[in-house]
């Protein structure tokens, strides 16, 4: 996926923040896209990189960013959303 993003001219830390492998859900996630056109471009790239997996993208209002996800099934996609919500609630302790 990183090679496809790079070949498309998308830059880490500018156009997206990370690419995560979703081991439990059998999928992949591209996070932290600040602009909707970039999310559509990544969505199309994901469809070519992992053509057998359904691809979706979501806008996270609180973080003001788009996330594209390709997972085995919709139930797994729901698990990804739930994990992301739970992660937002965990406080980060500075200096720990």
PDB file of N, CA and C in Angstrom:
ATOM      1  N   UNK A   1       0.817  -1.181   0.000  1.00  0.00           N
ATOM      2  CA  UNK A   1       0.000   0.000   0.000  1.00  0.00           C
ATOM      3  C   UNK A   1       0.871   1.259   0.000  1.00  0.00           C
ATOM      4  N   UNK A   2       1.939   1.227   0.781  1.00  0.00           N
ATOM      5  CA  UNK A   2       2.835   2.390   0.819  1.00  0.00           C
ATOM      6  C   UNK A   2       3.418   2.697  -0.550  1.00  0.00           C
ATOM      7  N   UNK A   3       3.781   1.651  -1.292  1.00  0.00           N
ATOM      8  CA  UNK A   3       4.335   1.862  -2.623  1.00  0.00           C
ATOM      9  C   UNK A   3       3.309   2.503  -3.548  1.00  0.00           C
ATOM     10  N   UNK A   4       2.049   2.067  -3.443  1.00  0.00           N
ATOM     11  CA  UNK A   4       0.986   2.634  -4.279  1.00  0.00           C
ATOM     12  C   UNK A   4       0.738   4.105  -3.932  1.00  0.00           C
ATOM     13  N   UNK A   5       0.753   4.414  -2.647  1.00  0.00           N
ATOM     14  CA  UNK A   5       0.574   5.808  -2.219  1.00  0.00           C
ATOM     15  C   UNK A   5       1.721   6.676  -2.729  1.00  0.00           C
ATOM     16  N   UNK A   6       2.925   6.166  -2.600  1.00  0.00           N
ATOM     17  CA  UNK A   6       4.104   6.897  -3.062  1.00  0.00           C
ATOM     18  C   UNK A   6       4.057   7.103  -4.583  1.00  0.00           C
ATOM     19  N   UNK A   7       3.714   6.049  -5.318  1.00  0.00           N
ATOM     20  CA  UNK A   7       3.637   6.139  -6.775  1.00  0.00           C
ATOM     21  C   UNK A   7       2.573   7.144  -7.224  1.00  0.00           C
ATOM     22  N   UNK A   8       1.537   7.319  -6.407  1.00  0.00           N
ATOM     23  CA  UNK A   8       0.473   8.271  -6.730  1.00  0.00           C
ATOM     24  C   UNK A   8       0.840   9.706  -6.334  1.00  0.00           C
ATOM     25  N   UNK A   9       2.027   9.862  -5.731  1.00  0.00           N
ATOM     26  CA  UNK A   9       2.471  11.192  -5.341  1.00  0.00           C
ATOM     27  C   UNK A   9       1.932  11.665  -4.006  1.00  0.00           C
ATOM     28  N   UNK A  10       1.375  10.747  -3.218  1.00  0.00           N
ATOM     29  CA  UNK A  10       0.847  11.104  -1.901  1.00  0.00           C
ATOM     30  C   UNK A  10       1.960  11.004  -0.867  1.00  0.00           C
ATOM     31  N   UNK A  11       2.073  12.014  -0.043  1.00  0.00           N
ATOM     32  CA  UNK A  11       3.188  12.114   0.901  1.00  0.00           C
ATOM     33  C   UNK A  11       2.765  11.832   2.338  1.00  0.00           C
ATOM     34  N   UNK A  12       3.552  11.014   3.003  1.00  0.00           N
ATOM     35  CA  UNK A  12       3.350  10.743   4.427  1.00  0.00           C
ATOM     36  C   UNK A  12       3.525  12.038   5.195  1.00  0.00           C
ATOM     37  N   UNK A  13       2.688  12.262   6.174  1.00  0.00           N
ATOM     38  CA  UNK A  13       2.678  13.461   7.035  1.00  0.00           C
ATOM     39  C   UNK A  13       2.133  14.701   6.335  1.00  0.00           C
ATOM     40  N   UNK A  14       1.819  14.592   5.048  1.00  0.00           N
ATOM     41  CA  UNK A  14       1.197  15.709   4.332  1.00  0.00           C
ATOM     42  C   UNK A  14      -0.206  15.294   3.885  1.00  0.00           C
ATOM     43  N   UNK A  15      -0.276  14.201   3.117  1.00  0.00           N
ATOM     44  CA  UNK A  15      -1.547  13.722   2.589  1.00  0.00           C
ATOM     45  C   UNK A  15      -2.205  12.666   3.471  1.00  0.00           C
ATOM     46  N   UNK A  16      -1.434  11.965   4.274  1.00  0.00           N
ATOM     47  CA  UNK A  16      -1.957  10.957   5.199  1.00  0.00           C
ATOM     48  C   UNK A  16      -0.964  10.799   6.342  1.00  0.00           C
ATOM     49  N   UNK A  17      -1.456  10.282   7.470  1.00  0.00           N
ATOM     50  CA  UNK A  17      -0.606  10.150   8.648  1.00  0.00           C
ATOM     51  C   UNK A  17      -0.014   8.760   8.835  1.00  0.00           C
ATOM     52  N   UNK A  18      -0.754   7.728   8.433  1.00  0.00           N
ATOM     53  CA  UNK A  18      -0.229   6.375   8.648  1.00  0.00           C
ATOM     54  C   UNK A  18      -0.968   5.358   7.796  1.00  0.00           C
ATOM     55  N   UNK A  19      -0.335   4.194   7.649  1.00  0.00           N
ATOM     56  CA  UNK A  19      -0.952   3.022   7.044  1.00  0.00           C
ATOM     57  C   UNK A  19      -0.848   1.932   8.098  1.00  0.00           C
ATOM     58  N   UNK A  20      -1.999   1.388   8.487  1.00  0.00           N
ATOM     59  CA  UNK A  20      -2.034   0.380   9.540  1.00  0.00           C
ATOM     60  C   UNK A  20      -2.547  -0.941   8.991  1.00  0.00           C
ATOM     61  N   UNK A  21      -1.898  -2.002   9.413  1.00  0.00           N
ATOM     62  CA  UNK A  21      -2.377  -3.353   9.090  1.00  0.00           C
ATOM     63  C   UNK A  21      -3.333  -3.767  10.201  1.00  0.00           C
ATOM     64  N   UNK A  22      -4.533  -4.172   9.823  1.00  0.00           N
ATOM     65  CA  UNK A  22      -5.543  -4.605  10.794  1.00  0.00           C
ATOM     66  C   UNK A  22      -5.510  -6.127  10.858  1.00  0.00           C
ATOM     67  N   UNK A  23      -4.641  -6.653  11.702  1.00  0.00           N
ATOM     68  CA  UNK A  23      -4.426  -8.104  11.758  1.00  0.00           C
ATOM     69  C   UNK A  23      -5.689  -8.861  12.150  1.00  0.00           C
ATOM     70  N   UNK A  24      -6.362  -8.425  13.196  1.00  0.00           N
ATOM     71  CA  UNK A  24      -7.545  -9.145  13.678  1.00  0.00           C
ATOM     72  C   UNK A  24      -8.692  -9.095  12.676  1.00  0.00           C
ATOM     73  N   UNK A  25      -8.808  -7.999  11.945  1.00  0.00           N
ATOM     74  CA  UNK A  25      -9.908  -7.830  11.004  1.00  0.00           C
ATOM     75  C   UNK A  25      -9.538  -8.227   9.583  1.00  0.00           C
ATOM     76  N   UNK A  26      -8.280  -8.637   9.366  1.00  0.00           N
ATOM     77  CA  UNK A  26      -7.801  -8.984   8.037  1.00  0.00           C
ATOM     78  C   UNK A  26      -8.052  -7.828   7.073  1.00  0.00           C
ATOM     79  N   UNK A  27      -7.326  -6.753   7.287  1.00  0.00           N
ATOM     80  CA  UNK A  27      -7.514  -5.599   6.426  1.00  0.00           C
ATOM     81  C   UNK A  27      -6.383  -4.596   6.539  1.00  0.00           C
ATOM     82  N   UNK A  28      -6.630  -3.424   5.997  1.00  0.00           N
ATOM     83  CA  UNK A  28      -5.643  -2.348   5.976  1.00  0.00           C
ATOM     84  C   UNK A  28      -6.383  -1.017   6.136  1.00  0.00           C
ATOM     85  N   UNK A  29      -5.704  -0.041   6.728  1.00  0.00           N
ATOM     86  CA  UNK A  29      -6.319   1.248   7.009  1.00  0.00           C
ATOM     87  C   UNK A  29      -5.317   2.361   6.693  1.00  0.00           C
ATOM     88  N   UNK A  30      -5.772   3.382   5.984  1.00  0.00           N
ATOM     89  CA  UNK A  30      -4.960   4.579   5.742  1.00  0.00           C
ATOM     90  C   UNK A  30      -5.618   5.696   6.535  1.00  0.00           C
ATOM     91  N   UNK A  31      -4.862   6.281   7.454  1.00  0.00           N
ATOM     92  CA  UNK A  31      -5.420   7.235   8.419  1.00  0.00           C
ATOM     93  C   UNK A  31      -4.905   8.649   8.204  1.00  0.00           C
ATOM     94  N   UNK A  32      -5.668   9.591   8.747  1.00  0.00           N
ATOM     95  CA  UNK A  32      -5.203  10.963   8.861  1.00  0.00           C
ATOM     96  C   UNK A  32      -5.148  11.759   7.576  1.00  0.00           C
ATOM     97  N   UNK A  33      -6.135  11.568   6.704  1.00  0.00           N
ATOM     98  CA  UNK A  33      -6.171  12.358   5.474  1.00  0.00           C
ATOM     99  C   UNK A  33      -6.997  13.616   5.730  1.00  0.00           C
ATOM    100  N   UNK A  34      -6.404  14.787   5.598  1.00  0.00           N
ATOM    101  CA  UNK A  34      -7.123  16.012   5.930  1.00  0.00           C
ATOM    102  C   UNK A  34      -8.130  16.473   4.880  1.00  0.00           C
ATOM    103  N   UNK A  35      -8.027  15.963   3.646  1.00  0.00           N
ATOM    104  CA  UNK A  35      -8.891  16.455   2.571  1.00  0.00           C
ATOM    105  C   UNK A  35      -9.682  15.331   1.925  1.00  0.00           C
ATOM    106  N   UNK A  36     -10.948  15.609   1.628  1.00  0.00           N
ATOM    107  CA  UNK A  36     -11.830  14.618   1.017  1.00  0.00           C
ATOM    108  C   UNK A  36     -11.329  14.127  -0.340  1.00  0.00           C
ATOM    109  N   UNK A  37     -10.823  14.989  -1.243  1.00  0.00           N
ATOM    110  CA  UNK A  37     -10.324  14.476  -2.529  1.00  0.00           C
ATOM    111  C   UNK A  37      -9.194  13.449  -2.358  1.00  0.00           C
ATOM    112  N   UNK A  38      -8.362  13.653  -1.356  1.00  0.00           N
ATOM    113  CA  UNK A  38      -7.298  12.680  -1.080  1.00  0.00           C
ATOM    114  C   UNK A  38      -7.905  11.360  -0.637  1.00  0.00           C
ATOM    115  N   UNK A  39      -8.947  11.420   0.180  1.00  0.00           N
ATOM    116  CA  UNK A  39      -9.615  10.191   0.636  1.00  0.00           C
ATOM    117  C   UNK A  39     -10.182   9.409  -0.546  1.00  0.00           C
ATOM    118  N   UNK A  40     -10.792  10.113  -1.514  1.00  0.00           N
ATOM    119  CA  UNK A  40     -11.305   9.434  -2.709  1.00  0.00           C
ATOM    120  C   UNK A  40     -10.164   8.813  -3.505  1.00  0.00           C
ATOM    121  N   UNK A  41      -9.058   9.510  -3.628  1.00  0.00           N
ATOM    122  CA  UNK A  41      -7.903   8.984  -4.362  1.00  0.00           C
ATOM    123  C   UNK A  41      -7.358   7.731  -3.681  1.00  0.00           C
ATOM    124  N   UNK A  42      -7.244   7.772  -2.360  1.00  0.00           N
ATOM    125  CA  UNK A  42      -6.759   6.612  -1.606  1.00  0.00           C
ATOM    126  C   UNK A  42      -7.743   5.454  -1.721  1.00  0.00           C
ATOM    127  N   UNK A  43      -9.024   5.752  -1.678  1.00  0.00           N
ATOM    128  CA  UNK A  43     -10.049   4.725  -1.835  1.00  0.00           C
ATOM    129  C   UNK A  43      -9.871   3.983  -3.155  1.00  0.00           C
ATOM    130  N   UNK A  44      -9.671   4.738  -4.231  1.00  0.00           N
ATOM    131  CA  UNK A  44      -9.461   4.105  -5.544  1.00  0.00           C
ATOM    132  C   UNK A  44      -8.175   3.276  -5.573  1.00  0.00           C
ATOM    133  N   UNK A  45      -7.117   3.783  -4.933  1.00  0.00           N
ATOM    134  CA  UNK A  45      -5.864   3.023  -4.863  1.00  0.00           C
ATOM    135  C   UNK A  45      -6.056   1.718  -4.102  1.00  0.00           C
ATOM    136  N   UNK A  46      -6.767   1.803  -2.979  1.00  0.00           N
ATOM    137  CA  UNK A  46      -7.000   0.595  -2.178  1.00  0.00           C
ATOM    138  C   UNK A  46      -7.762  -0.457  -2.972  1.00  0.00           C
ATOM    139  N   UNK A  47      -8.693  -0.018  -3.809  1.00  0.00           N
ATOM    140  CA  UNK A  47      -9.463  -0.956  -4.624  1.00  0.00           C
ATOM    141  C   UNK A  47      -8.576  -1.706  -5.615  1.00  0.00           C
ATOM    142  N   UNK A  48      -7.477  -1.098  -6.029  1.00  0.00           N
ATOM    143  CA  UNK A  48      -6.561  -1.793  -6.930  1.00  0.00           C
ATOM    144  C   UNK A  48      -5.550  -2.645  -6.164  1.00  0.00           C
ATOM    145  N   UNK A  49      -5.156  -2.192  -4.969  1.00  0.00           N
ATOM    146  CA  UNK A  49      -4.160  -2.929  -4.182  1.00  0.00           C
ATOM    147  C   UNK A  49      -4.779  -4.162  -3.521  1.00  0.00           C
ATOM    148  N   UNK A  50      -5.998  -4.022  -2.994  1.00  0.00           N
ATOM    149  CA  UNK A  50      -6.691  -5.143  -2.342  1.00  0.00           C
ATOM    150  C   UNK A  50      -8.082  -5.296  -2.967  1.00  0.00           C
ATOM    151  N   UNK A  51      -8.136  -5.750  -4.218  1.00  0.00           N
ATOM    152  CA  UNK A  51      -9.413  -5.781  -4.938  1.00  0.00           C
ATOM    153  C   UNK A  51     -10.450  -6.740  -4.354  1.00  0.00           C
ATOM    154  N   UNK A  52     -10.041  -7.699  -3.559  1.00  0.00           N
ATOM    155  CA  UNK A  52     -10.986  -8.670  -3.008  1.00  0.00           C
ATOM    156  C   UNK A  52     -11.648  -8.198  -1.716  1.00  0.00           C
ATOM    157  N   UNK A  53     -11.200  -7.064  -1.170  1.00  0.00           N
ATOM    158  CA  UNK A  53     -11.760  -6.574   0.083  1.00  0.00           C
ATOM    159  C   UNK A  53     -12.649  -5.359  -0.157  1.00  0.00           C
ATOM    160  N   UNK A  54     -13.806  -5.293   0.528  1.00  0.00           N
ATOM    161  CA  UNK A  54     -14.628  -4.094   0.422  1.00  0.00           C
ATOM    162  C   UNK A  54     -13.897  -2.901   1.038  1.00  0.00           C
ATOM    163  N   UNK A  55     -14.004  -1.756   0.404  1.00  0.00           N
ATOM    164  CA  UNK A  55     -13.294  -0.554   0.852  1.00  0.00           C
ATOM    165  C   UNK A  55     -14.327   0.516   1.208  1.00  0.00           C
ATOM    166  N   UNK A  56     -14.083   1.177   2.339  1.00  0.00           N
ATOM    167  CA  UNK A  56     -14.944   2.268   2.792  1.00  0.00           C
ATOM    168  C   UNK A  56     -14.061   3.408   3.294  1.00  0.00           C
ATOM    169  N   UNK A  57     -14.628   4.590   3.397  1.00  0.00           N
ATOM    170  CA  UNK A  57     -13.906   5.647   4.087  1.00  0.00           C
ATOM    171  C   UNK A  57     -14.876   6.430   4.958  1.00  0.00           C
ATOM    172  N   UNK A  58     -14.327   7.041   5.991  1.00  0.00           N
ATOM    173  CA  UNK A  58     -15.126   7.735   6.993  1.00  0.00           C
ATOM    174  C   UNK A  58     -14.454   9.044   7.360  1.00  0.00           C
ATOM    175  N   UNK A  59     -15.262  10.009   7.756  1.00  0.00           N
ATOM    176  CA  UNK A  59     -14.742  11.270   8.255  1.00  0.00           C
ATOM    177  C   UNK A  59     -14.944  11.289   9.765  1.00  0.00           C
ATOM    178  N   UNK A  60     -13.862  11.511  10.489  1.00  0.00           N
ATOM    179  CA  UNK A  60     -13.926  11.611  11.941  1.00  0.00           C
ATOM    180  C   UNK A  60     -13.957  13.089  12.315  1.00  0.00           C
ATOM    181  N   UNK A  61     -15.150  13.551  12.680  1.00  0.00           N
ATOM    182  CA  UNK A  61     -15.390  14.967  12.950  1.00  0.00           C
ATOM    183  C   UNK A  61     -14.456  15.514  14.037  1.00  0.00           C
ATOM    184  N   UNK A  62     -14.301  14.760  15.127  1.00  0.00           N
ATOM    185  CA  UNK A  62     -13.487  15.238  16.243  1.00  0.00           C
ATOM    186  C   UNK A  62     -12.035  15.468  15.847  1.00  0.00           C
ATOM    187  N   UNK A  63     -11.526  14.629  14.954  1.00  0.00           N
ATOM    188  CA  UNK A  63     -10.130  14.739  14.535  1.00  0.00           C
ATOM    189  C   UNK A  63      -9.978  15.490  13.216  1.00  0.00           C
ATOM    190  N   UNK A  64     -11.097  15.808  12.574  1.00  0.00           N
ATOM    191  CA  UNK A  64     -11.088  16.497  11.286  1.00  0.00           C
ATOM    192  C   UNK A  64     -10.199  15.780  10.270  1.00  0.00           C
ATOM    193  N   UNK A  65     -10.436  14.462  10.132  1.00  0.00           N
ATOM    194  CA  UNK A  65      -9.639  13.695   9.181  1.00  0.00           C
ATOM    195  C   UNK A  65     -10.445  12.539   8.604  1.00  0.00           C
ATOM    196  N   UNK A  66     -10.027  12.127   7.428  1.00  0.00           N
ATOM    197  CA  UNK A  66     -10.626  11.003   6.728  1.00  0.00           C
ATOM    198  C   UNK A  66      -9.787   9.758   6.980  1.00  0.00           C
ATOM    199  N   UNK A  67     -10.463   8.607   7.012  1.00  0.00           N
ATOM    200  CA  UNK A  67      -9.799   7.317   7.167  1.00  0.00           C
ATOM    201  C   UNK A  67     -10.392   6.371   6.125  1.00  0.00           C
ATOM    202  N   UNK A  68      -9.534   5.703   5.364  1.00  0.00           N
ATOM    203  CA  UNK A  68      -9.969   4.699   4.394  1.00  0.00           C
ATOM    204  C   UNK A  68      -9.632   3.326   4.950  1.00  0.00           C
ATOM    205  N   UNK A  69     -10.597   2.411   4.879  1.00  0.00           N
ATOM    206  CA  UNK A  69     -10.437   1.080   5.456  1.00  0.00           C
ATOM    207  C   UNK A  69     -10.861   0.026   4.449  1.00  0.00           C
ATOM    208  N   UNK A  70     -10.039  -0.999   4.306  1.00  0.00           N
ATOM    209  CA  UNK A  70     -10.396  -2.178   3.513  1.00  0.00           C
ATOM    210  C   UNK A  70     -10.369  -3.365   4.466  1.00  0.00           C
ATOM    211  N   UNK A  71     -11.517  -3.998   4.653  1.00  0.00           N
ATOM    212  CA  UNK A  71     -11.606  -5.147   5.563  1.00  0.00           C
ATOM    213  C   UNK A  71     -12.401  -6.268   4.921  1.00  0.00           C
ATOM    214  N   UNK A  72     -12.268  -7.419   5.522  1.00  0.00           N
ATOM    215  CA  UNK A  72     -12.887  -8.630   5.001  1.00  0.00           C
ATOM    216  C   UNK A  72     -14.409  -8.520   4.898  1.00  0.00           C
ATOM    217  N   UNK A  73     -15.066  -7.931   5.921  1.00  0.00           N
ATOM    218  CA  UNK A  73     -16.523  -7.822   5.903  1.00  0.00           C
ATOM    219  C   UNK A  73     -16.989  -6.636   6.743  1.00  0.00           C
ATOM    220  N   UNK A  74     -18.280  -6.322   6.626  1.00  0.00           N
ATOM    221  CA  UNK A  74     -18.819  -5.163   7.341  1.00  0.00           C
ATOM    222  C   UNK A  74     -18.774  -5.336   8.854  1.00  0.00           C
ATOM    223  N   UNK A  75     -18.884  -6.548   9.355  1.00  0.00           N
ATOM    224  CA  UNK A  75     -18.789  -6.764  10.802  1.00  0.00           C
ATOM    225  C   UNK A  75     -17.401  -6.361  11.298  1.00  0.00           C
ATOM    226  N   UNK A  76     -16.378  -6.672  10.521  1.00  0.00           N
ATOM    227  CA  UNK A  76     -15.015  -6.273  10.891  1.00  0.00           C
ATOM    228  C   UNK A  76     -14.881  -4.760  10.843  1.00  0.00           C
ATOM    229  N   UNK A  77     -15.552  -4.114   9.893  1.00  0.00           N
ATOM    230  CA  UNK A  77     -15.507  -2.665   9.804  1.00  0.00           C
ATOM    231  C   UNK A  77     -16.117  -2.041  11.046  1.00  0.00           C
ATOM    232  N   UNK A  78     -17.195  -2.607  11.547  1.00  0.00           N
ATOM    233  CA  UNK A  78     -17.796  -2.127  12.784  1.00  0.00           C
ATOM    234  C   UNK A  78     -16.835  -2.252  13.950  1.00  0.00           C
ATOM    235  N   UNK A  79     -16.055  -3.322  13.992  1.00  0.00           N
ATOM    236  CA  UNK A  79     -15.069  -3.509  15.058  1.00  0.00           C
ATOM    237  C   UNK A  79     -13.984  -2.449  14.976  1.00  0.00           C
ATOM    238  N   UNK A  80     -13.587  -2.065  13.773  1.00  0.00           N
ATOM    239  CA  UNK A  80     -12.576  -1.019  13.597  1.00  0.00           C
ATOM    240  C   UNK A  80     -13.114   0.298  14.141  1.00  0.00           C
ATOM    241  N   UNK A  81     -14.364   0.640  13.809  1.00  0.00           N
ATOM    242  CA  UNK A  81     -14.958   1.882  14.297  1.00  0.00           C
ATOM    243  C   UNK A  81     -15.012   1.896  15.821  1.00  0.00           C
ATOM    244  N   UNK A  82     -15.424   0.776  16.414  1.00  0.00           N
ATOM    245  CA  UNK A  82     -15.522   0.695  17.861  1.00  0.00           C
ATOM    246  C   UNK A  82     -14.155   0.872  18.511  1.00  0.00           C
ATOM    247  N   UNK A  83     -13.129   0.245  17.969  1.00  0.00           N
ATOM    248  CA  UNK A  83     -11.781   0.387  18.515  1.00  0.00           C
ATOM    249  C   UNK A  83     -11.317   1.835  18.445  1.00  0.00           C
ATOM    250  N   UNK A  84     -11.609   2.506  17.331  1.00  0.00           N
ATOM    251  CA  UNK A  84     -11.181   3.897  17.185  1.00  0.00           C
ATOM    252  C   UNK A  84     -11.893   4.776  18.210  1.00  0.00           C
ATOM    253  N   UNK A  85     -13.180   4.523  18.454  1.00  0.00           N
ATOM    254  CA  UNK A  85     -13.897   5.303  19.458  1.00  0.00           C
ATOM    255  C   UNK A  85     -13.304   5.077  20.837  1.00  0.00           C
ATOM    256  N   UNK A  86     -13.002   3.850  21.164  1.00  0.00           N
ATOM    257  CA  UNK A  86     -12.417   3.544  22.467  1.00  0.00           C
ATOM    258  C   UNK A  86     -11.050   4.202  22.616  1.00  0.00           C
ATOM    259  N   UNK A  87     -10.274   4.229  21.542  1.00  0.00           N
ATOM    260  CA  UNK A  87      -8.947   4.830  21.609  1.00  0.00           C
ATOM    261  C   UNK A  87      -9.046   6.311  21.928  1.00  0.00           C
ATOM    262  N   UNK A  88     -10.077   6.982  21.425  1.00  0.00           N
ATOM    263  CA  UNK A  88     -10.232   8.413  21.686  1.00  0.00           C
ATOM    264  C   UNK A  88     -10.470   8.690  23.163  1.00  0.00           C
ATOM    265  N   UNK A  89     -11.023   7.719  23.878  1.00  0.00           N
ATOM    266  CA  UNK A  89     -11.371   7.936  25.279  1.00  0.00           C
ATOM    267  C   UNK A  89     -10.230   7.671  26.236  1.00  0.00           C
ATOM    268  N   UNK A  90      -9.151   7.089  25.762  1.00  0.00           N
ATOM    269  CA  UNK A  90      -8.027   6.771  26.635  1.00  0.00           C
ATOM    270  C   UNK A  90      -7.165   8.013  26.819  1.00  0.00           C
ATOM    271  N   UNK A  91      -7.021   8.515  28.070  1.00  0.00           N
ATOM    272  CA  UNK A  91      -6.213   9.711  28.276  1.00  0.00           C
ATOM    273  C   UNK A  91      -4.729   9.404  28.094  1.00  0.00           C
ATOM    274  N   UNK A  92      -3.998  10.356  27.572  1.00  0.00           N
ATOM    275  CA  UNK A  92      -2.563  10.209  27.407  1.00  0.00           C
ATOM    276  C   UNK A  92      -1.893  10.956  28.557  1.00  0.00           C
ATOM    277  N   UNK A  93      -1.081  10.232  29.302  1.00  0.00           N
ATOM    278  CA  UNK A  93      -0.417  10.842  30.445  1.00  0.00           C
ATOM    279  C   UNK A  93       0.933  11.365  30.004  1.00  0.00           C
ATOM    280  N   UNK A  94       1.128  12.656  30.115  1.00  0.00           N
ATOM    281  CA  UNK A  94       2.384  13.268  29.708  1.00  0.00           C
ATOM    282  C   UNK A  94       3.431  13.031  30.781  1.00  0.00           C
ATOM    283  N   UNK A  95       4.644  12.764  30.316  1.00  0.00           N
ATOM    284  CA  UNK A  95       5.753  12.557  31.246  1.00  0.00           C
ATOM    285  C   UNK A  95       5.798  11.164  31.840  1.00  0.00           C
ATOM    286  N   UNK A  96       4.874  10.299  31.433  1.00  0.00           N
ATOM    287  CA  UNK A  96       4.863   8.936  31.993  1.00  0.00           C
ATOM    288  C   UNK A  96       5.766   8.026  31.188  1.00  0.00           C
TER     289      UNK A  96
END
